[in-house]
């Protein structure tokens, strides 16, 4: 199957997409609320920066990354309107522009499942492991086969259309993870998994860097 490019897809739908993503996920809010203050927070695949805004409540500095310039523009607008502090940067989730061992707290949700193929997904998890500080923690979240819109029990590639106000549909590539597959990709990466759970049709993991 063809795999729509995430950057082109989200540049096309950025304004409408961001308008439907006002509130942070409760799983992210809960994760951040349970953490110690961090010198550097990282939001990978930040979209309109709703989760970077949450990170700003506990991190001295926040770096918010997205491959889509269109989404970053919506993040700039939200930052201005709501008055939080985050440095916004266009970047690829599989090549994080961050020095090793710097990030104390990270959020990487609703992004990994847009990467193709599996080797790129695992490479992006390795990148997260590389940038996490020795005591750093990250929340990784992906769309799961446990979601009630799917009847599959094993992971698969698909496209999910986004419908713009004028009726145009824009296909978005997803890899829908099954729970065991998500666990296997985490295991194949350099990350150390501290917790895994399912919530609202998504698979989550609280992870840290490898033990040294």
N, C-alpha and C. Protein backbone atom coordinates (compact mmCIF):
# COMPACT_ATOMS: atom_id res chain seq x y z
N UNK A 1 0.83 -1.19 0.00
CA UNK A 1 0.00 0.00 0.00
C UNK A 1 0.87 1.24 0.00
N UNK A 2 0.34 2.33 -0.53
CA UNK A 2 1.03 3.61 -0.47
C UNK A 2 0.91 4.16 0.96
N UNK A 3 1.94 4.92 1.35
CA UNK A 3 1.95 5.48 2.69
C UNK A 3 2.02 7.00 2.58
N UNK A 4 0.92 7.70 2.85
CA UNK A 4 0.94 9.16 2.78
C UNK A 4 2.02 9.73 3.69
N UNK A 5 2.69 10.76 3.20
CA UNK A 5 3.75 11.40 3.96
C UNK A 5 3.14 12.22 5.10
N UNK A 6 3.52 11.95 6.36
CA UNK A 6 2.90 12.67 7.48
C UNK A 6 3.09 14.19 7.42
N UNK A 7 4.25 14.63 6.94
CA UNK A 7 4.48 16.08 6.88
C UNK A 7 3.49 16.74 5.92
N UNK A 8 3.34 16.19 4.73
CA UNK A 8 2.41 16.76 3.76
C UNK A 8 0.97 16.65 4.26
N UNK A 9 0.65 15.51 4.87
CA UNK A 9 -0.71 15.31 5.37
C UNK A 9 -1.07 16.36 6.40
N UNK A 10 -0.21 16.54 7.40
CA UNK A 10 -0.56 17.45 8.49
C UNK A 10 -0.38 18.91 8.13
N UNK A 11 0.47 19.20 7.16
CA UNK A 11 0.50 20.57 6.64
C UNK A 11 -0.85 20.90 6.00
N UNK A 12 -1.44 19.93 5.32
CA UNK A 12 -2.71 20.16 4.62
C UNK A 12 -3.86 20.36 5.60
N UNK A 13 -3.88 19.62 6.69
CA UNK A 13 -5.04 19.64 7.58
C UNK A 13 -4.77 20.41 8.88
N UNK A 14 -3.62 21.03 9.01
CA UNK A 14 -3.14 21.56 10.29
C UNK A 14 -4.16 22.44 11.01
N UNK A 15 -4.70 23.43 10.34
CA UNK A 15 -5.57 24.40 11.01
C UNK A 15 -6.82 23.73 11.55
N UNK A 16 -7.46 22.92 10.72
CA UNK A 16 -8.69 22.25 11.16
C UNK A 16 -8.38 21.20 12.22
N UNK A 17 -7.31 20.45 12.03
CA UNK A 17 -6.93 19.42 12.99
C UNK A 17 -6.67 20.03 14.37
N UNK A 18 -5.88 21.11 14.40
CA UNK A 18 -5.54 21.74 15.68
C UNK A 18 -6.77 22.29 16.38
N UNK A 19 -7.74 22.76 15.61
CA UNK A 19 -8.96 23.32 16.20
C UNK A 19 -9.77 22.27 16.93
N UNK A 20 -9.57 21.00 16.60
CA UNK A 20 -10.29 19.91 17.26
C UNK A 20 -9.48 19.29 18.38
N UNK A 21 -8.33 19.84 18.67
CA UNK A 21 -7.42 19.27 19.68
C UNK A 21 -7.12 20.31 20.77
N UNK A 22 -8.17 20.80 21.39
CA UNK A 22 -8.02 21.87 22.38
C UNK A 22 -7.42 21.37 23.68
N UNK A 23 -7.83 20.19 24.13
CA UNK A 23 -7.50 19.76 25.48
C UNK A 23 -6.43 18.67 25.49
N UNK A 24 -5.54 18.70 26.48
CA UNK A 24 -4.54 17.63 26.60
C UNK A 24 -5.20 16.32 27.01
N UNK A 25 -4.55 15.22 26.67
CA UNK A 25 -5.06 13.92 27.07
C UNK A 25 -4.90 13.75 28.59
N UNK A 26 -5.90 13.19 29.27
CA UNK A 26 -5.78 12.98 30.72
C UNK A 26 -4.61 12.07 31.08
N UNK A 27 -4.26 11.13 30.21
CA UNK A 27 -3.12 10.25 30.48
C UNK A 27 -1.82 11.05 30.55
N UNK A 28 -1.70 12.07 29.68
CA UNK A 28 -0.52 12.94 29.70
C UNK A 28 -0.52 13.79 30.96
N UNK A 29 -1.67 14.36 31.29
CA UNK A 29 -1.76 15.17 32.50
C UNK A 29 -1.40 14.36 33.75
N UNK A 30 -1.89 13.13 33.81
CA UNK A 30 -1.59 12.28 34.95
C UNK A 30 -0.11 11.91 35.02
N UNK A 31 0.47 11.61 33.87
CA UNK A 31 1.89 11.28 33.82
C UNK A 31 2.74 12.44 34.31
N UNK A 32 2.47 13.63 33.80
CA UNK A 32 3.26 14.80 34.17
C UNK A 32 3.06 15.15 35.64
N UNK A 33 1.85 15.03 36.14
CA UNK A 33 1.56 15.38 37.53
C UNK A 33 2.31 14.48 38.51
N UNK A 34 2.66 13.28 38.08
CA UNK A 34 3.35 12.33 38.96
C UNK A 34 4.86 12.49 38.95
N UNK A 35 5.39 13.43 38.16
CA UNK A 35 6.84 13.54 37.97
C UNK A 35 7.44 14.68 38.78
N UNK A 36 8.74 14.53 39.04
CA UNK A 36 9.51 15.61 39.64
C UNK A 36 9.75 16.70 38.60
N UNK A 37 10.08 17.90 39.06
CA UNK A 37 10.43 18.98 38.14
C UNK A 37 11.65 18.57 37.31
N UNK A 38 11.69 19.03 36.07
CA UNK A 38 12.76 18.66 35.14
C UNK A 38 13.39 19.92 34.56
N UNK A 39 14.69 19.83 34.27
CA UNK A 39 15.36 20.96 33.63
C UNK A 39 14.90 21.13 32.19
N UNK A 40 14.68 20.01 31.48
CA UNK A 40 14.26 20.06 30.08
C UNK A 40 13.13 19.08 29.84
N UNK A 41 12.03 19.58 29.29
CA UNK A 41 10.93 18.75 28.87
C UNK A 41 10.88 18.69 27.35
N UNK A 42 10.45 17.56 26.81
CA UNK A 42 10.42 17.35 25.36
C UNK A 42 9.07 16.80 24.94
N UNK A 43 8.48 17.45 23.93
CA UNK A 43 7.24 16.97 23.33
C UNK A 43 7.53 16.60 21.89
N UNK A 44 7.52 15.29 21.59
CA UNK A 44 7.83 14.79 20.25
C UNK A 44 6.53 14.59 19.49
N UNK A 45 6.39 15.28 18.35
CA UNK A 45 5.13 15.27 17.62
C UNK A 45 4.12 16.14 18.34
N UNK A 46 4.50 17.40 18.55
CA UNK A 46 3.77 18.27 19.48
C UNK A 46 2.42 18.76 18.95
N UNK A 47 2.20 18.71 17.63
CA UNK A 47 0.94 19.23 17.10
C UNK A 47 0.75 20.69 17.47
N UNK A 48 -0.38 21.01 18.09
CA UNK A 48 -0.64 22.40 18.48
C UNK A 48 -0.07 22.75 19.85
N UNK A 49 0.76 21.88 20.40
CA UNK A 49 1.51 22.12 21.65
C UNK A 49 0.63 22.05 22.90
N UNK A 50 -0.49 21.35 22.81
CA UNK A 50 -1.34 21.23 24.01
C UNK A 50 -0.63 20.45 25.11
N UNK A 51 0.25 19.51 24.74
CA UNK A 51 0.98 18.76 25.77
C UNK A 51 2.27 19.47 26.17
N UNK A 52 2.84 20.25 25.27
CA UNK A 52 3.97 21.10 25.66
C UNK A 52 3.54 22.09 26.73
N UNK A 53 2.31 22.55 26.63
CA UNK A 53 1.76 23.46 27.64
C UNK A 53 1.71 22.78 29.01
N UNK A 54 1.36 21.51 29.03
CA UNK A 54 1.35 20.75 30.29
C UNK A 54 2.77 20.58 30.81
N UNK A 55 3.72 20.25 29.94
CA UNK A 55 5.11 20.09 30.35
C UNK A 55 5.66 21.37 30.94
N UNK A 56 5.21 22.50 30.44
CA UNK A 56 5.71 23.79 30.93
C UNK A 56 5.38 24.02 32.39
N UNK A 57 4.43 23.27 32.94
CA UNK A 57 4.08 23.44 34.35
C UNK A 57 5.12 22.83 35.28
N UNK A 58 5.98 21.92 34.75
CA UNK A 58 6.96 21.25 35.61
C UNK A 58 8.39 21.33 35.09
N UNK A 59 8.59 21.73 33.85
CA UNK A 59 9.93 21.78 33.27
C UNK A 59 10.43 23.22 33.17
N UNK A 60 11.70 23.41 33.45
CA UNK A 60 12.28 24.75 33.35
C UNK A 60 12.30 25.24 31.90
N UNK A 61 12.58 24.32 30.97
CA UNK A 61 12.56 24.62 29.55
C UNK A 61 11.81 23.50 28.85
N UNK A 62 11.08 23.86 27.79
CA UNK A 62 10.34 22.86 27.01
C UNK A 62 10.71 23.01 25.54
N UNK A 63 11.05 21.89 24.92
CA UNK A 63 11.31 21.82 23.49
C UNK A 63 10.19 21.01 22.86
N UNK A 64 9.48 21.61 21.91
CA UNK A 64 8.35 20.96 21.25
C UNK A 64 8.66 20.80 19.77
N UNK A 65 8.63 19.55 19.30
CA UNK A 65 9.04 19.22 17.94
C UNK A 65 7.88 18.67 17.13
N UNK A 66 7.84 19.04 15.85
CA UNK A 66 6.89 18.41 14.93
C UNK A 66 7.47 18.49 13.53
N UNK A 67 7.14 17.51 12.70
CA UNK A 67 7.62 17.50 11.33
C UNK A 67 6.83 18.46 10.45
N UNK A 68 5.63 18.85 10.90
CA UNK A 68 4.74 19.69 10.10
C UNK A 68 4.89 21.16 10.46
N UNK A 69 5.25 21.98 9.47
CA UNK A 69 5.32 23.42 9.69
C UNK A 69 3.93 24.00 9.97
N UNK A 70 2.93 23.43 9.33
CA UNK A 70 1.57 23.89 9.55
C UNK A 70 1.14 23.70 10.99
N UNK A 71 1.43 22.55 11.57
CA UNK A 71 1.08 22.32 12.96
C UNK A 71 1.90 23.20 13.89
N UNK A 72 3.15 23.44 13.55
CA UNK A 72 3.97 24.32 14.38
C UNK A 72 3.41 25.74 14.39
N UNK A 73 2.81 26.16 13.29
CA UNK A 73 2.20 27.49 13.27
C UNK A 73 1.01 27.53 14.23
N UNK A 74 0.24 26.46 14.29
CA UNK A 74 -0.87 26.43 15.26
C UNK A 74 -0.33 26.40 16.68
N UNK A 75 0.83 25.78 16.87
CA UNK A 75 1.46 25.77 18.20
C UNK A 75 1.90 27.17 18.60
N UNK A 76 2.43 27.92 17.64
CA UNK A 76 2.83 29.30 17.93
C UNK A 76 1.63 30.14 18.34
N UNK A 77 0.53 29.93 17.66
CA UNK A 77 -0.68 30.68 17.99
C UNK A 77 -1.17 30.32 19.39
N UNK A 78 -1.15 29.05 19.72
CA UNK A 78 -1.59 28.62 21.06
C UNK A 78 -0.64 29.18 22.13
N UNK A 79 0.65 29.12 21.86
CA UNK A 79 1.64 29.64 22.83
C UNK A 79 1.39 31.12 23.11
N UNK A 80 1.11 31.88 22.07
CA UNK A 80 0.85 33.31 22.22
C UNK A 80 -0.45 33.56 22.99
N UNK A 81 -1.48 32.83 22.63
CA UNK A 81 -2.79 33.03 23.23
C UNK A 81 -2.82 32.63 24.70
N UNK A 82 -2.16 31.51 25.01
CA UNK A 82 -2.28 30.94 26.36
C UNK A 82 -1.11 31.30 27.27
N UNK A 83 -0.04 31.85 26.70
CA UNK A 83 1.03 32.40 27.51
C UNK A 83 1.97 31.42 28.17
N UNK A 84 2.14 30.23 27.60
CA UNK A 84 3.13 29.31 28.13
C UNK A 84 4.43 29.43 27.33
N UNK A 85 5.48 28.80 27.82
CA UNK A 85 6.80 28.94 27.21
C UNK A 85 7.25 27.60 26.63
N UNK A 86 7.52 27.56 25.34
CA UNK A 86 8.05 26.36 24.69
C UNK A 86 8.81 26.78 23.45
N UNK A 87 9.96 26.17 23.24
CA UNK A 87 10.72 26.41 22.02
C UNK A 87 10.23 25.43 20.96
N UNK A 88 9.76 25.95 19.83
CA UNK A 88 9.16 25.13 18.78
C UNK A 88 10.17 24.92 17.65
N UNK A 89 10.23 23.69 17.17
CA UNK A 89 11.24 23.35 16.17
C UNK A 89 10.72 22.27 15.23
N UNK A 90 10.94 22.46 13.93
CA UNK A 90 10.59 21.41 12.98
C UNK A 90 11.65 20.33 13.02
N UNK A 91 11.23 19.09 13.23
CA UNK A 91 12.19 17.99 13.35
C UNK A 91 11.47 16.66 13.12
N UNK A 92 12.27 15.66 12.77
CA UNK A 92 11.82 14.30 12.51
C UNK A 92 11.95 13.50 13.81
N UNK A 93 10.92 12.75 14.15
CA UNK A 93 10.92 11.96 15.38
C UNK A 93 12.00 10.88 15.40
N UNK A 94 12.49 10.49 14.23
CA UNK A 94 13.54 9.48 14.17
C UNK A 94 14.94 10.08 14.20
N UNK A 95 15.03 11.41 14.23
CA UNK A 95 16.33 12.10 14.29
C UNK A 95 16.17 13.33 15.18
N UNK A 96 16.18 13.12 16.48
CA UNK A 96 15.89 14.20 17.42
C UNK A 96 17.10 15.14 17.54
N UNK A 97 16.89 16.45 17.37
CA UNK A 97 17.99 17.41 17.44
C UNK A 97 18.30 17.82 18.89
N UNK A 98 18.60 16.82 19.69
CA UNK A 98 18.83 17.02 21.12
C UNK A 98 20.09 16.24 21.51
N UNK A 99 20.91 16.85 22.36
CA UNK A 99 22.11 16.16 22.82
C UNK A 99 21.75 15.00 23.74
N UNK A 100 22.64 14.02 23.84
CA UNK A 100 22.35 12.86 24.68
C UNK A 100 22.18 13.23 26.16
N UNK A 101 21.32 12.47 26.82
CA UNK A 101 21.20 12.51 28.29
C UNK A 101 20.73 13.86 28.82
N UNK A 102 19.89 14.58 28.08
CA UNK A 102 19.49 15.92 28.49
C UNK A 102 18.04 16.04 28.96
N UNK A 103 17.18 15.15 28.52
CA UNK A 103 15.74 15.33 28.73
C UNK A 103 15.28 14.64 30.01
N UNK A 104 14.71 15.43 30.91
CA UNK A 104 14.22 14.86 32.16
C UNK A 104 12.81 14.32 32.07
N UNK A 105 12.02 14.87 31.15
CA UNK A 105 10.61 14.49 31.04
C UNK A 105 10.18 14.65 29.59
N UNK A 106 9.57 13.62 29.02
CA UNK A 106 9.18 13.66 27.61
C UNK A 106 7.79 13.07 27.40
N UNK A 107 7.13 13.58 26.38
CA UNK A 107 5.84 13.06 25.94
C UNK A 107 5.97 12.74 24.45
N UNK A 108 5.65 11.50 24.11
CA UNK A 108 5.75 11.05 22.71
C UNK A 108 4.48 10.26 22.42
N UNK A 109 3.38 10.98 22.18
CA UNK A 109 2.08 10.33 21.99
C UNK A 109 1.50 10.71 20.62
N UNK A 110 0.75 9.75 20.05
CA UNK A 110 0.04 9.97 18.78
C UNK A 110 0.96 10.35 17.64
N UNK A 111 2.18 9.83 17.66
CA UNK A 111 3.16 10.15 16.60
C UNK A 111 3.88 8.91 16.10
N UNK A 112 4.32 8.05 17.01
CA UNK A 112 5.06 6.86 16.60
C UNK A 112 4.30 6.06 15.56
N UNK A 113 2.98 5.98 15.70
CA UNK A 113 2.18 5.15 14.78
C UNK A 113 2.07 5.75 13.38
N UNK A 114 2.57 6.96 13.17
CA UNK A 114 2.59 7.55 11.83
C UNK A 114 3.89 7.24 11.07
N UNK A 115 4.85 6.62 11.72
CA UNK A 115 6.14 6.35 11.09
C UNK A 115 6.13 5.01 10.38
N UNK A 116 6.86 4.93 9.29
CA UNK A 116 6.94 3.70 8.49
C UNK A 116 8.36 3.60 7.93
N UNK A 117 8.94 2.39 7.89
CA UNK A 117 8.44 1.10 8.37
C UNK A 117 8.79 0.88 9.85
N UNK A 118 8.71 -0.40 10.28
CA UNK A 118 8.99 -0.72 11.68
C UNK A 118 10.39 -0.29 12.08
N UNK A 119 11.37 -0.45 11.21
CA UNK A 119 12.74 -0.07 11.57
C UNK A 119 12.82 1.41 11.93
N UNK A 120 12.04 2.24 11.25
CA UNK A 120 12.02 3.67 11.58
C UNK A 120 11.35 3.90 12.92
N UNK A 121 10.30 3.15 13.21
CA UNK A 121 9.64 3.30 14.51
C UNK A 121 10.58 2.92 15.64
N UNK A 122 11.28 1.82 15.49
CA UNK A 122 12.23 1.41 16.53
C UNK A 122 13.38 2.40 16.64
N UNK A 123 13.85 2.92 15.50
CA UNK A 123 14.92 3.93 15.52
C UNK A 123 14.48 5.17 16.29
N UNK A 124 13.21 5.55 16.15
CA UNK A 124 12.73 6.72 16.88
C UNK A 124 12.68 6.45 18.38
N UNK A 125 12.36 5.23 18.77
CA UNK A 125 12.39 4.87 20.18
C UNK A 125 13.83 4.89 20.70
N UNK A 126 14.77 4.44 19.87
CA UNK A 126 16.19 4.52 20.24
C UNK A 126 16.62 5.97 20.44
N UNK A 127 16.13 6.86 19.59
CA UNK A 127 16.45 8.27 19.73
C UNK A 127 15.92 8.83 21.05
N UNK A 128 14.73 8.41 21.42
CA UNK A 128 14.18 8.84 22.70
C UNK A 128 15.07 8.35 23.85
N UNK A 129 15.50 7.12 23.78
CA UNK A 129 16.40 6.58 24.80
C UNK A 129 17.71 7.37 24.86
N UNK A 130 18.20 7.77 23.71
CA UNK A 130 19.48 8.51 23.64
C UNK A 130 19.40 9.85 24.36
N UNK A 131 18.27 10.55 24.21
CA UNK A 131 18.20 11.92 24.73
C UNK A 131 17.72 11.98 26.18
N UNK A 132 17.16 10.89 26.70
CA UNK A 132 16.69 10.92 28.08
C UNK A 132 17.85 10.97 29.06
N UNK A 133 17.71 11.80 30.07
CA UNK A 133 18.68 11.86 31.15
C UNK A 133 18.66 10.55 31.94
N UNK A 134 19.70 10.28 32.72
CA UNK A 134 19.75 9.00 33.46
C UNK A 134 18.52 8.73 34.32
N UNK A 135 17.93 9.77 34.88
CA UNK A 135 16.71 9.59 35.67
C UNK A 135 15.46 10.05 34.91
N UNK A 136 15.60 10.32 33.61
CA UNK A 136 14.48 10.83 32.82
C UNK A 136 13.40 9.79 32.59
N UNK A 137 12.19 10.29 32.34
CA UNK A 137 11.07 9.41 32.04
C UNK A 137 10.28 10.00 30.87
N UNK A 138 9.69 9.11 30.08
CA UNK A 138 8.87 9.52 28.94
C UNK A 138 7.60 8.69 28.91
N UNK A 139 6.54 9.30 28.39
CA UNK A 139 5.29 8.59 28.12
C UNK A 139 5.17 8.42 26.62
N UNK A 140 5.11 7.17 26.16
CA UNK A 140 4.93 6.85 24.75
C UNK A 140 3.52 6.31 24.57
N UNK A 141 2.80 6.84 23.57
CA UNK A 141 1.43 6.37 23.33
C UNK A 141 1.16 6.14 21.86
N UNK A 142 0.47 5.04 21.55
CA UNK A 142 0.15 4.68 20.16
C UNK A 142 -1.30 4.22 20.07
N UNK A 143 -1.87 4.33 18.89
CA UNK A 143 -3.21 3.81 18.65
C UNK A 143 -3.15 2.28 18.66
N UNK A 144 -4.12 1.68 19.32
CA UNK A 144 -4.08 0.24 19.58
C UNK A 144 -5.27 -0.49 18.96
N UNK A 145 -5.07 -1.78 18.69
CA UNK A 145 -6.16 -2.63 18.23
C UNK A 145 -7.25 -2.77 19.29
N UNK A 146 -6.98 -2.36 20.52
CA UNK A 146 -8.01 -2.40 21.56
C UNK A 146 -9.05 -1.30 21.38
N UNK A 147 -8.80 -0.35 20.49
CA UNK A 147 -9.78 0.70 20.21
C UNK A 147 -11.05 0.07 19.63
N UNK A 148 -12.19 0.61 20.03
CA UNK A 148 -13.44 -0.03 19.62
C UNK A 148 -13.77 0.14 18.14
N UNK A 149 -13.00 0.95 17.42
CA UNK A 149 -13.26 1.07 15.98
C UNK A 149 -12.60 -0.04 15.18
N UNK A 150 -11.75 -0.83 15.83
CA UNK A 150 -11.04 -1.91 15.13
C UNK A 150 -11.53 -3.26 15.63
N UNK A 151 -11.59 -4.24 14.70
CA UNK A 151 -11.92 -5.59 15.11
C UNK A 151 -10.75 -6.54 14.94
N UNK A 152 -9.57 -6.00 14.64
CA UNK A 152 -8.37 -6.82 14.48
C UNK A 152 -7.75 -7.12 15.84
N UNK A 153 -7.00 -8.21 15.90
CA UNK A 153 -6.28 -8.56 17.12
C UNK A 153 -4.77 -8.51 16.92
N UNK A 154 -4.32 -8.33 15.67
CA UNK A 154 -2.90 -8.18 15.39
C UNK A 154 -2.67 -6.84 14.71
N UNK A 155 -1.47 -6.29 14.87
CA UNK A 155 -1.15 -4.99 14.32
C UNK A 155 -1.23 -4.96 12.80
N UNK A 156 -1.53 -3.78 12.25
CA UNK A 156 -1.66 -3.66 10.80
C UNK A 156 -1.46 -2.21 10.37
N UNK A 157 -1.12 -2.04 9.09
CA UNK A 157 -1.02 -0.73 8.46
C UNK A 157 -2.37 -0.34 7.87
N UNK A 158 -2.69 0.94 7.93
CA UNK A 158 -3.94 1.41 7.35
C UNK A 158 -3.85 2.89 7.07
N UNK A 159 -4.88 3.43 6.44
CA UNK A 159 -5.04 4.87 6.34
C UNK A 159 -6.38 5.24 6.97
N UNK A 160 -6.37 6.38 7.64
CA UNK A 160 -7.58 6.90 8.28
C UNK A 160 -7.81 8.30 7.72
N UNK A 161 -8.95 8.50 7.09
CA UNK A 161 -9.22 9.79 6.44
C UNK A 161 -9.53 10.88 7.47
N UNK A 162 -9.01 12.08 7.17
CA UNK A 162 -9.42 13.29 7.88
C UNK A 162 -10.32 14.08 6.94
N UNK A 163 -11.49 14.49 7.41
CA UNK A 163 -12.43 15.22 6.57
C UNK A 163 -12.37 16.71 6.91
N UNK A 164 -12.01 17.51 5.92
CA UNK A 164 -11.94 18.96 6.07
C UNK A 164 -13.34 19.57 5.98
N UNK A 165 -13.50 20.82 6.43
CA UNK A 165 -14.84 21.44 6.43
C UNK A 165 -15.51 21.47 5.07
N UNK A 166 -14.72 21.52 3.97
CA UNK A 166 -15.32 21.55 2.64
C UNK A 166 -15.66 20.17 2.11
N UNK A 167 -15.44 19.15 2.94
CA UNK A 167 -15.76 17.78 2.54
C UNK A 167 -14.60 17.00 1.96
N UNK A 168 -13.48 17.66 1.69
CA UNK A 168 -12.31 16.95 1.17
C UNK A 168 -11.78 15.99 2.23
N UNK A 169 -11.40 14.79 1.79
CA UNK A 169 -10.82 13.82 2.71
C UNK A 169 -9.32 13.69 2.43
N UNK A 170 -8.56 13.66 3.50
CA UNK A 170 -7.10 13.57 3.41
C UNK A 170 -6.67 12.31 4.16
N UNK A 171 -6.08 11.33 3.46
CA UNK A 171 -5.71 10.08 4.13
C UNK A 171 -4.48 10.26 5.00
N UNK A 172 -4.51 9.67 6.19
CA UNK A 172 -3.38 9.69 7.11
C UNK A 172 -2.90 8.25 7.34
N UNK A 173 -1.59 8.03 7.23
CA UNK A 173 -1.04 6.69 7.46
C UNK A 173 -0.96 6.41 8.97
N UNK A 174 -1.37 5.20 9.33
CA UNK A 174 -1.23 4.71 10.70
C UNK A 174 -0.69 3.29 10.68
N UNK A 175 0.14 2.97 11.65
CA UNK A 175 0.35 1.58 12.01
C UNK A 175 -0.38 1.36 13.32
N UNK A 176 -1.42 0.53 13.27
CA UNK A 176 -2.20 0.23 14.46
C UNK A 176 -1.52 -0.92 15.20
N UNK A 177 -1.08 -0.66 16.40
CA UNK A 177 -0.34 -1.65 17.18
C UNK A 177 -1.29 -2.58 17.94
N UNK A 178 -0.95 -3.86 18.00
CA UNK A 178 -1.57 -4.70 19.01
C UNK A 178 -0.66 -4.64 20.25
N UNK A 179 -1.20 -4.93 21.43
CA UNK A 179 -0.42 -4.74 22.66
C UNK A 179 0.90 -5.51 22.68
N UNK A 180 0.89 -6.76 22.20
CA UNK A 180 2.13 -7.55 22.21
C UNK A 180 3.16 -6.96 21.25
N UNK A 181 2.70 -6.46 20.13
CA UNK A 181 3.60 -5.87 19.14
C UNK A 181 4.23 -4.58 19.69
N UNK A 182 3.43 -3.79 20.37
CA UNK A 182 3.95 -2.58 21.00
C UNK A 182 5.03 -2.95 22.02
N UNK A 183 4.76 -3.96 22.82
CA UNK A 183 5.74 -4.43 23.79
C UNK A 183 7.01 -4.91 23.10
N UNK A 184 6.86 -5.59 21.96
CA UNK A 184 8.02 -6.10 21.24
C UNK A 184 8.88 -4.97 20.66
N UNK A 185 8.25 -3.93 20.14
CA UNK A 185 9.03 -2.81 19.60
C UNK A 185 9.74 -2.06 20.71
N UNK A 186 9.10 -1.90 21.84
CA UNK A 186 9.77 -1.28 22.98
C UNK A 186 10.95 -2.13 23.43
N UNK A 187 10.76 -3.44 23.46
CA UNK A 187 11.83 -4.36 23.86
C UNK A 187 12.98 -4.32 22.87
N UNK A 188 12.67 -4.14 21.58
CA UNK A 188 13.71 -4.10 20.54
C UNK A 188 14.51 -2.80 20.59
N UNK A 189 13.99 -1.79 21.25
CA UNK A 189 14.67 -0.50 21.33
C UNK A 189 15.60 -0.46 22.53
N UNK A 190 16.26 0.68 22.69
CA UNK A 190 17.17 0.88 23.82
C UNK A 190 16.45 1.35 25.08
N UNK A 191 15.15 1.55 25.01
CA UNK A 191 14.40 2.04 26.16
C UNK A 191 14.22 0.95 27.21
N UNK A 192 14.12 1.39 28.45
CA UNK A 192 13.77 0.51 29.55
C UNK A 192 12.32 0.79 29.93
N UNK A 193 11.47 -0.21 29.87
CA UNK A 193 10.04 -0.03 30.14
C UNK A 193 9.77 -0.18 31.64
N UNK A 194 9.14 0.82 32.21
CA UNK A 194 8.78 0.79 33.63
C UNK A 194 7.32 0.44 33.86
N UNK A 195 6.48 0.73 32.87
CA UNK A 195 5.05 0.44 33.01
C UNK A 195 4.42 0.43 31.63
N UNK A 196 3.45 -0.46 31.42
CA UNK A 196 2.65 -0.44 30.20
C UNK A 196 1.18 -0.55 30.59
N UNK A 197 0.33 0.16 29.84
CA UNK A 197 -1.10 0.08 30.12
C UNK A 197 -1.89 0.50 28.88
N UNK A 198 -3.16 0.14 28.86
CA UNK A 198 -4.08 0.51 27.79
C UNK A 198 -5.11 1.49 28.35
N UNK A 199 -5.45 2.50 27.55
CA UNK A 199 -6.44 3.47 27.99
C UNK A 199 -7.07 4.14 26.78
N UNK A 200 -8.39 4.15 26.74
CA UNK A 200 -9.14 4.85 25.68
C UNK A 200 -8.70 4.45 24.28
N UNK A 201 -8.42 3.17 24.09
CA UNK A 201 -8.05 2.68 22.76
C UNK A 201 -6.63 2.96 22.37
N UNK A 202 -5.79 3.37 23.31
CA UNK A 202 -4.38 3.61 23.05
C UNK A 202 -3.53 2.73 23.95
N UNK A 203 -2.36 2.34 23.42
CA UNK A 203 -1.36 1.66 24.23
C UNK A 203 -0.35 2.67 24.73
N UNK A 204 0.02 2.56 26.01
CA UNK A 204 0.96 3.50 26.62
C UNK A 204 2.10 2.74 27.29
N UNK A 205 3.23 3.42 27.37
CA UNK A 205 4.35 2.91 28.15
C UNK A 205 5.07 4.07 28.81
N UNK A 206 5.39 3.90 30.07
CA UNK A 206 6.29 4.82 30.77
C UNK A 206 7.67 4.21 30.67
N UNK A 207 8.59 4.96 30.08
CA UNK A 207 9.91 4.42 29.75
C UNK A 207 11.00 5.34 30.26
N UNK A 208 12.21 4.76 30.35
CA UNK A 208 13.40 5.51 30.71
C UNK A 208 14.57 5.06 29.86
N UNK A 209 15.73 5.64 30.08
CA UNK A 209 16.93 5.24 29.33
C UNK A 209 17.41 3.86 29.79
N UNK A 210 18.28 3.24 29.03
CA UNK A 210 18.81 1.95 29.46
C UNK A 210 19.64 2.10 30.72
N UNK A 211 19.65 1.06 31.54
CA UNK A 211 20.47 1.08 32.74
C UNK A 211 21.95 1.00 32.35
N UNK A 212 22.77 1.72 33.09
CA UNK A 212 24.21 1.69 32.81
C UNK A 212 24.97 1.10 33.97
